[in-house]
């Protein structure tokens, strides 16, 4: 089991690496995280929702994601409330006190899921959450040491040395653990190290002398690793620039005539930000965060991502002035299309699509409750319904630049039911048309279009639409042409397998892999 001294210490990636390395030995391996709090989720083939990190770990094992690998998923909707997903299906929206009260019932589901998976596999690789030393949460723990004891797992405790304080965090964590919990810890792993490991010798010896535990690895910082982040913290800490912290100005953009500027609106309740991962990996695409009106600028593409609380995030955009900036950007884009030019493209994914519409209604208080007028860029009416749409979708997507259609695969996660307010509505000479369809013909995406031209405003419920290499590259090529940019000299496929191999190779080279195998009696 991999635990950490803090959130975002690299537990998920280390778990994925160990899954890959053990699978290479011909073993049947499965990942497991009893409880995951994350806004980046995925839908399995049978319509179950689970954390994205366990999906990546399942792929590292060469197997399909299974909701039993993440039996409890918490999706925060407010400061003190979360939607609780159990074995892939929504249970309820709960406040923290309600969730703590019901944890004993959830523990039975956790144990059943673990027992079933363990019976089917040779090795289980578990992941903890946050820190096992949070003494205010210890009595409610079902994911760290409580799970380690239930599974009889040896624990590797990871610390992020890049953020500082790693040695104090390791010693402090061990001092706060009970004697029984300390006995579970087999050793430490320092993660995200930069520099010469020999410079750490004295510190390693001091920590080992104080705790009695050895260091089993010093894993270097892996720059540019193209694997989906577990949560929104990941993409925010991935040093995506903003306008105020390094957006290329017009002169800088001109220096590289193929560079495309892509702005991602940083919503407080952003969900499934992994939708932009494939774009971030393109060598001639610059993705940056937009938090305030002055940071928007004039990007070639602006994306409003998914949201776990669309009404609250729309209120955030409105109150902070960012909605007005986005509306002005959209008006310029629409006006340019009318004259055969190009001034940008605004698109929304899932919750972003809802925000672009005419109205949002939440009669059941699944989010904030009540009704709000949307940005009214697309004449769409959205109502949040009790039934949640959870499905993998094979869809036909019309390129927003009128280049025909293509079959793409993705997944849907939404309570929203969206329909056009008025068929054939027209805005500034642009007609509103469905652009993304499920196989049965049901529209799940709409946009403003001009015959033979591009769509300056569009959106879709389909998560993962940019993961399709052909669709993504065609879209980017046509945006470049429309914007007068030079063609990109290179395009990169979005493939996780090589990245998982790179991760596993690095971890194997910088950990005491024989010692870790010995802990498993291998």
Protein backbone atom coordinates (compact mmCIF):
# COMPACT_ATOMS: atom_id res chain seq x y z
CA UNK A 1 0.00 0.00 0.00
CA UNK A 2 1.20 3.47 -0.90
CA UNK A 3 0.32 6.19 1.59
CA UNK A 4 1.58 9.77 1.74
CA UNK A 5 2.45 12.52 4.15
CA UNK A 6 0.05 14.86 2.34
CA UNK A 7 -2.28 15.15 -0.62
CA UNK A 8 -0.63 15.22 -4.04
CA UNK A 9 2.54 13.55 -2.74
CA UNK A 10 2.57 11.26 -5.78
CA UNK A 11 0.70 8.29 -4.29
CA UNK A 12 -1.40 7.72 -7.40
CA UNK A 13 1.57 7.68 -9.76
CA UNK A 14 3.64 5.42 -7.51
CA UNK A 15 0.70 3.03 -7.28
CA UNK A 16 0.35 3.03 -11.07
CA UNK A 17 4.09 2.37 -11.43
CA UNK A 18 3.99 -0.60 -9.04
CA UNK A 19 0.92 -1.95 -10.87
CA UNK A 20 2.81 -1.78 -14.16
CA UNK A 21 5.98 -3.36 -12.79
CA UNK A 22 4.14 -6.26 -11.14
CA UNK A 23 2.04 -6.85 -14.25
CA UNK A 24 5.25 -7.10 -16.29
CA UNK A 25 6.20 -10.07 -14.12
CA UNK A 26 3.17 -11.94 -15.41
CA UNK A 27 1.13 -11.46 -12.24
CA UNK A 28 -2.58 -10.69 -12.08
CA UNK A 29 -2.66 -7.26 -10.44
CA UNK A 30 -5.44 -4.88 -9.41
CA UNK A 31 -5.34 -1.39 -7.89
CA UNK A 32 -7.59 -0.43 -4.99
CA UNK A 33 -8.50 2.81 -3.24
CA UNK A 34 -11.26 2.43 -0.68
CA UNK A 35 -12.35 6.06 -0.77
CA UNK A 36 -11.40 8.71 -3.27
CA UNK A 37 -12.30 12.41 -3.12
CA UNK A 38 -11.91 13.69 -6.66
CA UNK A 39 -13.70 15.67 -9.32
CA UNK A 40 -12.01 13.85 -12.19
CA UNK A 41 -14.04 10.70 -12.73
CA UNK A 42 -14.68 8.14 -15.46
CA UNK A 43 -17.53 5.91 -16.57
CA UNK A 44 -16.93 2.17 -16.98
CA UNK A 45 -18.40 0.03 -19.75
CA UNK A 46 -21.27 -1.03 -17.51
CA UNK A 47 -22.15 2.56 -16.56
CA UNK A 48 -20.39 2.90 -13.21
CA UNK A 49 -18.53 6.02 -12.06
CA UNK A 50 -15.09 5.81 -10.47
CA UNK A 51 -12.04 7.96 -9.78
CA UNK A 52 -9.77 8.73 -12.71
CA UNK A 53 -6.62 7.72 -10.82
CA UNK A 54 -7.83 4.13 -10.44
CA UNK A 55 -8.68 4.09 -14.14
CA UNK A 56 -5.06 4.93 -14.98
CA UNK A 57 -3.88 2.28 -12.51
CA UNK A 58 -6.19 -0.30 -14.10
CA UNK A 59 -4.71 0.54 -17.51
CA UNK A 60 -1.26 0.08 -15.98
CA UNK A 61 -2.39 -3.46 -15.13
CA UNK A 62 -3.63 -3.99 -18.69
CA UNK A 63 -7.23 -4.41 -17.62
CA UNK A 64 -10.57 -2.64 -17.89
CA UNK A 65 -11.52 -0.24 -15.09
CA UNK A 66 -13.81 -1.80 -12.46
CA UNK A 67 -15.80 0.20 -9.89
CA UNK A 68 -14.68 -2.24 -7.20
CA UNK A 69 -11.22 -0.69 -7.53
CA UNK A 70 -12.70 2.52 -6.07
CA UNK A 71 -15.82 1.52 -4.14
CA UNK A 72 -16.44 4.97 -2.59
CA UNK A 73 -16.05 8.17 -4.59
CA UNK A 74 -16.74 11.60 -3.09
CA UNK A 75 -17.36 14.51 -5.47
CA UNK A 76 -17.36 17.81 -3.52
CA UNK A 77 -20.13 20.26 -4.42
CA UNK A 78 -19.53 22.83 -1.67
CA UNK A 79 -17.29 23.55 1.32
CA UNK A 80 -19.05 20.96 3.47
CA UNK A 81 -20.99 18.73 1.08
CA UNK A 82 -20.25 16.02 -1.48
CA UNK A 83 -22.06 13.67 -3.79
CA UNK A 84 -21.35 10.15 -2.56
CA UNK A 85 -20.87 7.45 -5.22
CA UNK A 86 -20.88 3.84 -3.98
CA UNK A 87 -19.78 1.02 -6.29
CA UNK A 88 -20.24 3.29 -9.28
CA UNK A 89 -23.74 4.59 -8.54
CA UNK A 90 -24.85 7.84 -6.86
CA UNK A 91 -26.03 7.33 -3.28
CA UNK A 92 -26.81 10.81 -1.95
CA UNK A 93 -25.52 14.32 -1.44
CA UNK A 94 -24.17 14.44 2.12
CA UNK A 95 -22.61 16.92 4.49
CA UNK A 96 -19.40 15.80 6.18
CA UNK A 97 -21.18 15.02 9.46
CA UNK A 98 -23.72 12.82 7.65
CA UNK A 99 -20.99 11.01 5.77
CA UNK A 100 -19.00 10.29 8.92
CA UNK A 101 -22.13 8.90 10.53
CA UNK A 102 -22.75 6.49 7.62
CA UNK A 103 -19.16 5.33 7.15
CA UNK A 104 -19.73 2.04 8.96
CA UNK A 105 -22.32 1.06 6.35
CA UNK A 106 -19.94 2.06 3.56
CA UNK A 107 -17.16 0.03 5.17
CA UNK A 108 -19.11 -3.14 4.40
CA UNK A 109 -19.21 -2.22 0.71
CA UNK A 110 -15.48 -1.45 0.79
CA UNK A 111 -14.60 -4.79 2.37
CA UNK A 112 -16.80 -6.73 -0.03
CA UNK A 113 -15.25 -5.03 -3.06
CA UNK A 114 -11.72 -5.66 -1.77
CA UNK A 115 -12.40 -9.30 -0.92
CA UNK A 116 -13.83 -10.00 -4.38
CA UNK A 117 -10.92 -8.34 -6.20
CA UNK A 118 -8.29 -9.96 -4.00
CA UNK A 119 -9.76 -13.40 -4.74
CA UNK A 120 -9.38 -12.76 -8.46
CA UNK A 121 -5.79 -11.47 -8.42
CA UNK A 122 -2.27 -12.42 -7.33
CA UNK A 123 -1.34 -8.97 -5.98
CA UNK A 124 -3.37 -6.00 -4.79
CA UNK A 125 -1.73 -2.55 -4.86
CA UNK A 126 -3.58 -0.19 -2.54
CA UNK A 127 -3.51 3.59 -2.37
CA UNK A 128 -4.21 5.76 0.65
CA UNK A 129 -5.66 9.27 0.71
CA UNK A 130 -4.25 12.48 2.12
CA UNK A 131 -2.24 11.55 5.20
CA UNK A 132 -2.71 8.72 7.72
CA UNK A 133 -1.70 11.13 10.49
CA UNK A 134 -4.77 13.37 10.34
CA UNK A 135 -5.72 12.77 13.97
CA UNK A 136 -9.07 14.55 13.57
CA UNK A 137 -10.09 11.98 10.93
CA UNK A 138 -8.52 8.84 12.36
CA UNK A 139 -11.68 7.53 14.03
CA UNK A 140 -13.51 7.70 10.69
CA UNK A 141 -10.68 6.30 8.54
CA UNK A 142 -11.62 3.71 5.93
CA UNK A 143 -8.88 4.40 3.40
CA UNK A 144 -5.48 4.60 5.14
CA UNK A 145 -4.33 2.50 8.10
CA UNK A 146 -7.76 0.97 8.77
CA UNK A 147 -7.70 -0.40 5.22
CA UNK A 148 -4.04 -1.43 5.50
CA UNK A 149 -4.82 -3.56 8.55
CA UNK A 150 -7.90 -5.08 6.90
CA UNK A 151 -5.85 -6.05 3.84
CA UNK A 152 -2.75 -7.02 5.85
CA UNK A 153 -0.75 -4.70 3.59
CA UNK A 154 2.76 -3.39 4.07
CA UNK A 155 2.84 0.40 3.70
CA UNK A 156 5.27 2.58 1.78
CA UNK A 157 5.05 6.17 3.02
CA UNK A 158 5.71 8.73 0.27
CA UNK A 159 6.71 12.38 0.72
CA UNK A 160 6.93 15.13 -1.90
CA UNK A 161 10.42 16.57 -1.48
CA UNK A 162 9.86 19.17 -4.19
CA UNK A 163 7.43 21.18 -2.03
CA UNK A 164 9.78 21.18 0.98
CA UNK A 165 9.44 19.86 4.52
CA UNK A 166 9.53 16.23 3.43
CA UNK A 167 11.80 14.98 6.24
CA UNK A 168 9.82 16.74 8.95
CA UNK A 169 6.62 15.36 7.39
CA UNK A 170 7.95 11.80 7.52
CA UNK A 171 9.15 12.05 11.11
CA UNK A 172 6.01 13.90 12.17
CA UNK A 173 3.72 11.38 10.50
CA UNK A 174 5.45 8.47 12.22
CA UNK A 175 5.28 10.21 15.60
CA UNK A 176 1.52 10.73 15.28
CA UNK A 177 0.76 7.15 14.25
CA UNK A 178 -0.08 4.57 16.88
CA UNK A 179 2.43 1.82 17.59
CA UNK A 180 0.22 -0.63 15.69
CA UNK A 181 0.06 1.66 12.67
CA UNK A 182 3.80 2.33 12.73
CA UNK A 183 4.41 -1.41 12.52
CA UNK A 184 2.62 -1.43 9.14
CA UNK A 185 5.13 1.00 7.60
CA UNK A 186 7.88 -0.85 5.73
CA UNK A 187 9.79 2.20 4.55
CA UNK A 188 9.81 5.61 2.91
CA UNK A 189 9.90 6.90 -0.66
CA UNK A 190 10.96 10.44 -1.50
CA UNK A 191 9.13 11.63 -4.57
CA UNK A 192 9.73 14.41 -7.14
CA UNK A 193 13.42 14.88 -6.32
CA UNK A 194 15.65 17.20 -8.35
CA UNK A 195 19.42 16.97 -8.11
CA UNK A 196 22.12 14.63 -6.81
CA UNK A 197 20.71 12.00 -4.40
CA UNK A 198 24.06 11.70 -2.60
CA UNK A 199 23.41 15.15 -1.11
CA UNK A 200 20.60 13.57 0.93
CA UNK A 201 22.71 10.94 2.69
CA UNK A 202 22.93 12.67 6.07
CA UNK A 203 19.22 13.52 6.09
CA UNK A 204 18.25 9.96 5.16
CA UNK A 205 20.38 8.53 7.93
CA UNK A 206 18.93 10.96 10.48
CA UNK A 207 15.33 10.13 9.59
CA UNK A 208 16.02 6.39 9.61
CA UNK A 209 17.71 6.67 13.01
CA UNK A 210 14.71 8.58 14.43
CA UNK A 211 12.02 6.33 12.97
CA UNK A 212 13.68 2.95 12.52
CA UNK A 213 12.43 2.83 8.91
CA UNK A 214 14.60 2.66 5.76
CA UNK A 215 14.30 4.67 2.56
CA UNK A 216 13.27 2.38 -0.27
CA UNK A 217 13.39 4.91 -3.09
CA UNK A 218 14.25 8.42 -4.23
CA UNK A 219 12.17 9.01 -7.35
CA UNK A 220 13.20 11.95 -9.55
CA UNK A 221 10.84 14.60 -10.83
CA UNK A 222 9.35 13.38 -14.08
CA UNK A 223 8.88 16.41 -16.29
CA UNK A 224 6.14 16.40 -18.91
CA UNK A 225 4.53 13.15 -17.83
CA UNK A 226 1.32 12.94 -19.85
CA UNK A 227 -0.97 11.05 -17.51
CA UNK A 228 -4.39 12.28 -16.31
CA UNK A 229 -4.35 14.12 -13.00
CA UNK A 230 -6.38 12.70 -10.11
CA UNK A 231 -8.01 16.02 -9.30
CA UNK A 232 -8.15 19.71 -10.14
CA UNK A 233 -5.25 20.34 -7.74
CA UNK A 234 -3.03 18.56 -10.23
CA UNK A 235 -3.66 20.77 -13.23
CA UNK A 236 -3.55 23.91 -11.07
CA UNK A 237 -0.16 22.88 -9.68
CA UNK A 238 1.11 21.85 -13.09
CA UNK A 239 2.30 25.43 -13.62
CA UNK A 240 -0.24 26.27 -16.30
CA UNK A 241 0.49 29.95 -16.91
CA UNK A 242 -2.05 32.73 -16.70
CA UNK A 243 -2.01 36.04 -18.54
CA UNK A 244 -0.34 37.67 -15.54
CA UNK A 245 2.27 34.94 -15.19
CA UNK A 246 3.54 34.36 -18.66
CA UNK A 247 0.89 34.32 -21.40
CA UNK A 248 2.65 34.98 -24.70
CA UNK A 249 1.77 38.46 -25.89
CA UNK A 250 1.22 39.23 -29.56
CA UNK A 251 4.94 39.60 -30.16
CA UNK A 252 5.75 36.30 -28.46
CA UNK A 253 3.01 34.52 -30.40
CA UNK A 254 4.41 35.93 -33.62
CA UNK A 255 7.80 34.45 -32.80
CA UNK A 256 6.30 31.00 -33.26
CA UNK A 257 3.77 31.32 -36.06
CA UNK A 258 2.35 27.84 -35.42
CA UNK A 259 1.62 28.34 -31.71
CA UNK A 260 -2.05 28.21 -30.68
CA UNK A 261 -3.21 29.93 -27.51
CA UNK A 262 -5.81 27.89 -25.59
CA UNK A 263 -7.41 29.40 -22.48
CA UNK A 264 -9.07 27.20 -19.84
CA UNK A 265 -11.52 28.90 -17.50
CA UNK A 266 -10.60 27.93 -13.93
CA UNK A 267 -13.97 27.22 -12.31
CA UNK A 268 -14.10 26.77 -8.51
CA UNK A 269 -15.91 23.42 -8.95
CA UNK A 270 -14.09 22.31 -12.10
CA UNK A 271 -14.74 18.67 -12.93
CA UNK A 272 -12.96 16.34 -15.35
CA UNK A 273 -10.26 18.84 -16.24
CA UNK A 274 -8.55 15.81 -17.80
CA UNK A 275 -10.51 16.71 -20.94
CA UNK A 276 -7.68 19.11 -21.83
CA UNK A 277 -4.81 16.65 -21.27
CA UNK A 278 -4.54 15.74 -24.95
CA UNK A 279 -4.44 19.43 -25.90
CA UNK A 280 -1.77 20.14 -23.28
CA UNK A 281 0.42 17.48 -24.83
CA UNK A 282 0.47 19.03 -28.30
CA UNK A 283 3.86 20.66 -28.94
CA UNK A 284 2.42 23.76 -30.63
CA UNK A 285 -0.47 24.40 -28.26
CA UNK A 286 -0.12 26.61 -25.20
CA UNK A 287 -2.79 25.92 -22.55
CA UNK A 288 -3.18 28.47 -19.77
CA UNK A 289 -5.59 29.15 -16.93
CA UNK A 290 -7.97 32.10 -16.80
CA UNK A 291 -9.15 33.13 -13.34
CA UNK A 292 -9.95 36.84 -13.79
CA UNK A 293 -11.36 39.03 -16.60
CA UNK A 294 -8.01 40.67 -17.32
CA UNK A 295 -6.42 37.29 -17.98
CA UNK A 296 -8.66 36.26 -20.87
CA UNK A 297 -6.98 38.14 -23.69
CA UNK A 298 -7.79 36.91 -27.22
CA UNK A 299 -7.11 33.17 -27.25
CA UNK A 300 -7.61 31.09 -30.37
CA UNK A 301 -9.72 28.67 -28.31
CA UNK A 302 -11.35 29.26 -24.92
CA UNK A 303 -12.78 26.31 -22.97
CA UNK A 304 -15.31 26.33 -20.14
CA UNK A 305 -14.76 22.87 -18.61
CA UNK A 306 -17.05 20.54 -16.71
CA UNK A 307 -18.42 21.57 -13.34
CA UNK A 308 -19.67 19.71 -10.28
CA UNK A 309 -21.84 22.74 -9.45
CA UNK A 310 -22.78 24.60 -12.63
CA UNK A 311 -25.04 27.14 -10.92
CA UNK A 312 -22.40 28.14 -8.36
CA UNK A 313 -19.73 28.35 -11.05
CA UNK A 314 -21.95 30.50 -13.27
CA UNK A 315 -22.50 32.79 -10.29
CA UNK A 316 -18.71 32.95 -9.83
CA UNK A 317 -18.23 33.97 -13.46
CA UNK A 318 -20.99 36.56 -13.19
CA UNK A 319 -19.97 38.11 -9.87
CA UNK A 320 -16.29 38.33 -10.78
CA UNK A 321 -16.81 39.91 -14.19
CA UNK A 322 -15.43 36.97 -16.14
CA UNK A 323 -18.83 36.26 -17.71
CA UNK A 324 -18.84 39.75 -19.26
CA UNK A 325 -15.35 39.20 -20.66
CA UNK A 326 -16.38 35.83 -22.12
CA UNK A 327 -19.51 37.34 -23.67
CA UNK A 328 -17.45 40.08 -25.31
CA UNK A 329 -15.02 37.45 -26.61
CA UNK A 330 -17.91 35.38 -28.01
CA UNK A 331 -19.49 38.42 -29.69
CA UNK A 332 -16.18 39.21 -31.42
CA UNK A 333 -15.87 35.58 -32.54
CA UNK A 334 -19.42 35.54 -33.93
CA UNK A 335 -18.97 38.90 -35.70
CA UNK A 336 -15.75 37.72 -37.33
CA UNK A 337 -17.46 34.62 -38.71
CA UNK A 338 -20.10 36.87 -40.29
CA UNK A 339 -17.38 38.60 -42.32
CA UNK A 340 -15.46 35.42 -43.13
CA UNK A 341 -12.79 36.02 -40.51
CA UNK A 342 -11.71 34.39 -37.26
CA UNK A 343 -11.48 35.88 -33.76
CA UNK A 344 -11.58 32.82 -31.57
CA UNK A 345 -13.74 29.87 -30.54
CA UNK A 346 -15.60 29.46 -27.22
CA UNK A 347 -16.63 25.97 -26.23
CA UNK A 348 -18.13 24.30 -23.18
CA UNK A 349 -17.89 20.71 -22.01
CA UNK A 350 -20.69 19.21 -19.90
CA UNK A 351 -21.22 21.83 -17.17
CA UNK A 352 -19.58 24.35 -19.50
CA UNK A 353 -22.22 23.55 -22.11
CA UNK A 354 -24.95 24.17 -19.53
CA UNK A 355 -23.40 27.53 -18.60
CA UNK A 356 -23.40 28.62 -22.26
CA UNK A 357 -27.14 27.96 -22.49
CA UNK A 358 -30.18 30.15 -21.84
CA UNK A 359 -31.17 28.81 -18.42
CA UNK A 360 -30.31 26.29 -15.69
CA UNK A 361 -32.90 24.82 -13.33
CA UNK A 362 -32.21 22.75 -10.22
CA UNK A 363 -35.64 21.98 -8.75
CA UNK A 364 -34.38 19.03 -6.65
CA UNK A 365 -31.46 20.97 -5.10
CA UNK A 366 -28.92 18.52 -6.51
CA UNK A 367 -26.47 21.44 -6.56
CA UNK A 368 -27.38 24.89 -5.23
CA UNK A 369 -31.08 24.69 -6.08
CA UNK A 370 -33.22 27.27 -7.84
CA UNK A 371 -32.94 28.67 -11.35
CA UNK A 372 -30.52 30.98 -13.14
CA UNK A 373 -30.27 32.58 -16.52
CA UNK A 374 -27.27 31.22 -18.38
CA UNK A 375 -24.85 33.12 -20.59
CA UNK A 376 -27.50 32.79 -23.33
CA UNK A 377 -24.98 32.20 -26.10
CA UNK A 378 -26.75 28.97 -27.06
CA UNK A 379 -30.58 28.74 -26.84
CA UNK A 380 -30.52 25.68 -24.59
CA UNK A 381 -32.62 24.91 -21.51
CA UNK A 382 -31.09 22.64 -18.86
CA UNK A 383 -32.87 21.01 -15.94
CA UNK A 384 -31.03 18.88 -13.38
CA UNK A 385 -32.90 15.58 -13.02
CA UNK A 386 -32.75 12.94 -10.29
CA UNK A 387 -31.53 10.26 -12.69
CA UNK A 388 -27.85 10.61 -13.50
CA UNK A 389 -26.57 9.88 -16.99
CA UNK A 390 -23.53 7.60 -16.68
CA UNK A 391 -22.48 6.00 -19.93
CA UNK A 392 -19.69 5.46 -22.37
CA UNK A 393 -20.78 6.96 -25.66
CA UNK A 394 -19.80 6.32 -29.24
CA UNK A 395 -20.81 9.56 -30.90
CA UNK A 396 -20.76 11.23 -34.28
CA UNK A 397 -19.14 14.62 -33.95
CA UNK A 398 -19.43 17.28 -36.63
CA UNK A 399 -16.21 19.23 -36.76
CA UNK A 400 -16.99 22.77 -35.52
CA UNK A 401 -15.23 24.04 -38.64
CA UNK A 402 -17.70 22.38 -41.02
CA UNK A 403 -15.32 19.63 -42.12
CA UNK A 404 -17.76 16.74 -42.05
CA UNK A 405 -18.25 14.37 -39.16
CA UNK A 406 -16.27 11.71 -37.35
CA UNK A 407 -17.06 8.93 -34.89
CA UNK A 408 -15.46 9.63 -31.52
CA UNK A 409 -15.61 7.80 -28.21
CA UNK A 410 -16.07 9.40 -24.82
CA UNK A 411 -18.22 9.27 -21.73
CA UNK A 412 -21.07 11.20 -20.15
CA UNK A 413 -21.51 12.13 -16.48
CA UNK A 414 -24.36 14.54 -15.85
CA UNK A 415 -27.66 15.13 -14.10
CA UNK A 416 -28.53 17.78 -16.66
CA UNK A 417 -31.20 17.21 -19.30
CA UNK A 418 -30.69 19.76 -22.07
CA UNK A 419 -32.97 20.65 -24.96
CA UNK A 420 -33.05 23.52 -27.47
CA UNK A 421 -35.33 26.36 -26.48
CA UNK A 422 -36.41 26.92 -30.06
CA UNK A 423 -35.43 24.83 -33.05
CA UNK A 424 -33.59 26.75 -35.72
CA UNK A 425 -32.93 29.80 -33.56
CA UNK A 426 -30.68 32.31 -35.24
CA UNK A 427 -28.12 34.64 -33.65
CA UNK A 428 -26.30 37.15 -35.82
CA UNK A 429 -26.84 35.13 -38.97
CA UNK A 430 -25.63 31.93 -37.27
CA UNK A 431 -28.04 29.04 -36.94
CA UNK A 432 -28.07 26.74 -33.92
CA UNK A 433 -27.46 23.14 -34.87
CA UNK A 434 -26.75 19.84 -33.14
CA UNK A 435 -23.06 19.00 -33.59
CA UNK A 436 -22.56 15.84 -31.51
CA UNK A 437 -24.90 12.85 -31.67
CA UNK A 438 -25.04 9.52 -29.92
CA UNK A 439 -25.28 6.44 -32.14
CA UNK A 440 -29.07 6.47 -31.76
CA UNK A 441 -29.21 10.03 -33.10
CA UNK A 442 -29.77 11.76 -29.75
CA UNK A 443 -28.00 15.15 -29.80
CA UNK A 444 -25.55 15.76 -26.93
CA UNK A 445 -23.81 18.82 -28.36
CA UNK A 446 -24.89 22.05 -30.09
CA UNK A 447 -23.24 25.06 -31.67
CA UNK A 448 -23.70 28.28 -33.61
CA UNK A 449 -22.91 27.58 -37.25
CA UNK A 450 -22.70 29.31 -40.59
CA UNK A 451 -23.03 27.26 -43.76
CA UNK A 452 -19.55 26.45 -45.00
CA UNK A 453 -17.92 28.24 -42.08
CA UNK A 454 -16.75 27.62 -38.55
CA UNK A 455 -18.63 27.46 -35.24
CA UNK A 456 -17.51 30.27 -32.92
CA UNK A 457 -19.54 28.93 -29.97
CA UNK A 458 -20.31 25.28 -29.31
CA UNK A 459 -20.47 22.70 -26.55
CA UNK A 460 -20.98 19.02 -25.82
CA UNK A 461 -21.76 16.63 -22.99
CA UNK A 462 -19.08 14.27 -24.29
CA UNK A 463 -16.05 14.06 -22.02
CA UNK A 464 -12.87 12.87 -23.73
CA UNK A 465 -13.77 14.28 -27.15
CA UNK A 466 -10.27 15.68 -27.61
CA UNK A 467 -8.64 12.32 -26.81
CA UNK A 468 -9.42 11.25 -30.39
CA UNK A 469 -6.23 12.06 -32.30
CA UNK A 470 -7.86 12.54 -35.71
CA UNK A 471 -10.64 14.82 -34.40
CA UNK A 472 -8.24 16.87 -32.25
CA UNK A 473 -5.62 17.29 -34.96
CA UNK A 474 -8.21 18.19 -37.60
CA UNK A 475 -9.73 20.80 -35.29
CA UNK A 476 -6.36 22.32 -34.43
CA UNK A 477 -5.25 22.36 -38.07
CA UNK A 478 -8.39 24.18 -39.15
CA UNK A 479 -8.14 26.69 -36.31
CA UNK A 480 -4.57 27.40 -37.40
CA UNK A 481 -5.67 27.97 -40.98
CA UNK A 482 -8.60 30.18 -39.94
CA UNK A 483 -6.33 32.20 -37.64
CA UNK A 484 -3.62 32.57 -40.27
CA UNK A 485 -1.11 30.50 -38.30
CA UNK A 486 1.51 28.32 -39.93
CA UNK A 487 0.81 24.56 -39.95
CA UNK A 488 2.27 22.70 -36.98
CA UNK A 489 5.52 20.91 -37.76
CA UNK A 490 4.58 18.05 -35.42
CA UNK A 491 1.45 16.52 -33.98
CA UNK A 492 1.51 14.16 -31.04
CA UNK A 493 -0.71 11.13 -30.45
CA UNK A 494 -2.42 10.86 -27.08
CA UNK A 495 -1.34 7.47 -25.77
CA UNK A 496 -1.04 6.51 -22.10
CA UNK A 497 0.84 3.23 -22.57
CA UNK A 498 4.28 4.74 -23.33
CA UNK A 499 3.87 7.21 -20.46
CA UNK A 500 3.04 4.38 -18.03
CA UNK A 501 6.13 2.51 -19.22
CA UNK A 502 8.27 5.61 -18.74
CA UNK A 503 6.89 6.03 -15.22
CA UNK A 504 7.44 2.38 -14.33
CA UNK A 505 10.99 2.34 -15.72
CA UNK A 506 11.89 5.41 -13.67
CA UNK A 507 10.43 4.03 -10.44
CA UNK A 508 12.15 0.66 -10.92
CA UNK A 509 15.51 2.36 -11.54
CA UNK A 510 15.30 4.60 -8.47
CA UNK A 511 13.69 2.33 -5.89
CA UNK A 512 14.93 -0.74 -4.05
CA UNK A 513 12.76 -2.90 -6.29
CA UNK A 514 14.15 -6.23 -5.02
CA UNK A 515 13.46 -5.06 -1.46
CA UNK A 516 9.89 -4.10 -2.34
CA UNK A 517 9.34 -7.48 -4.04
CA UNK A 518 10.64 -9.17 -0.90
CA UNK A 519 7.90 -7.43 1.10
CA UNK A 520 5.44 -9.27 -1.16
CA UNK A 521 7.37 -12.54 -0.79
CA UNK A 522 8.19 -12.46 -4.51
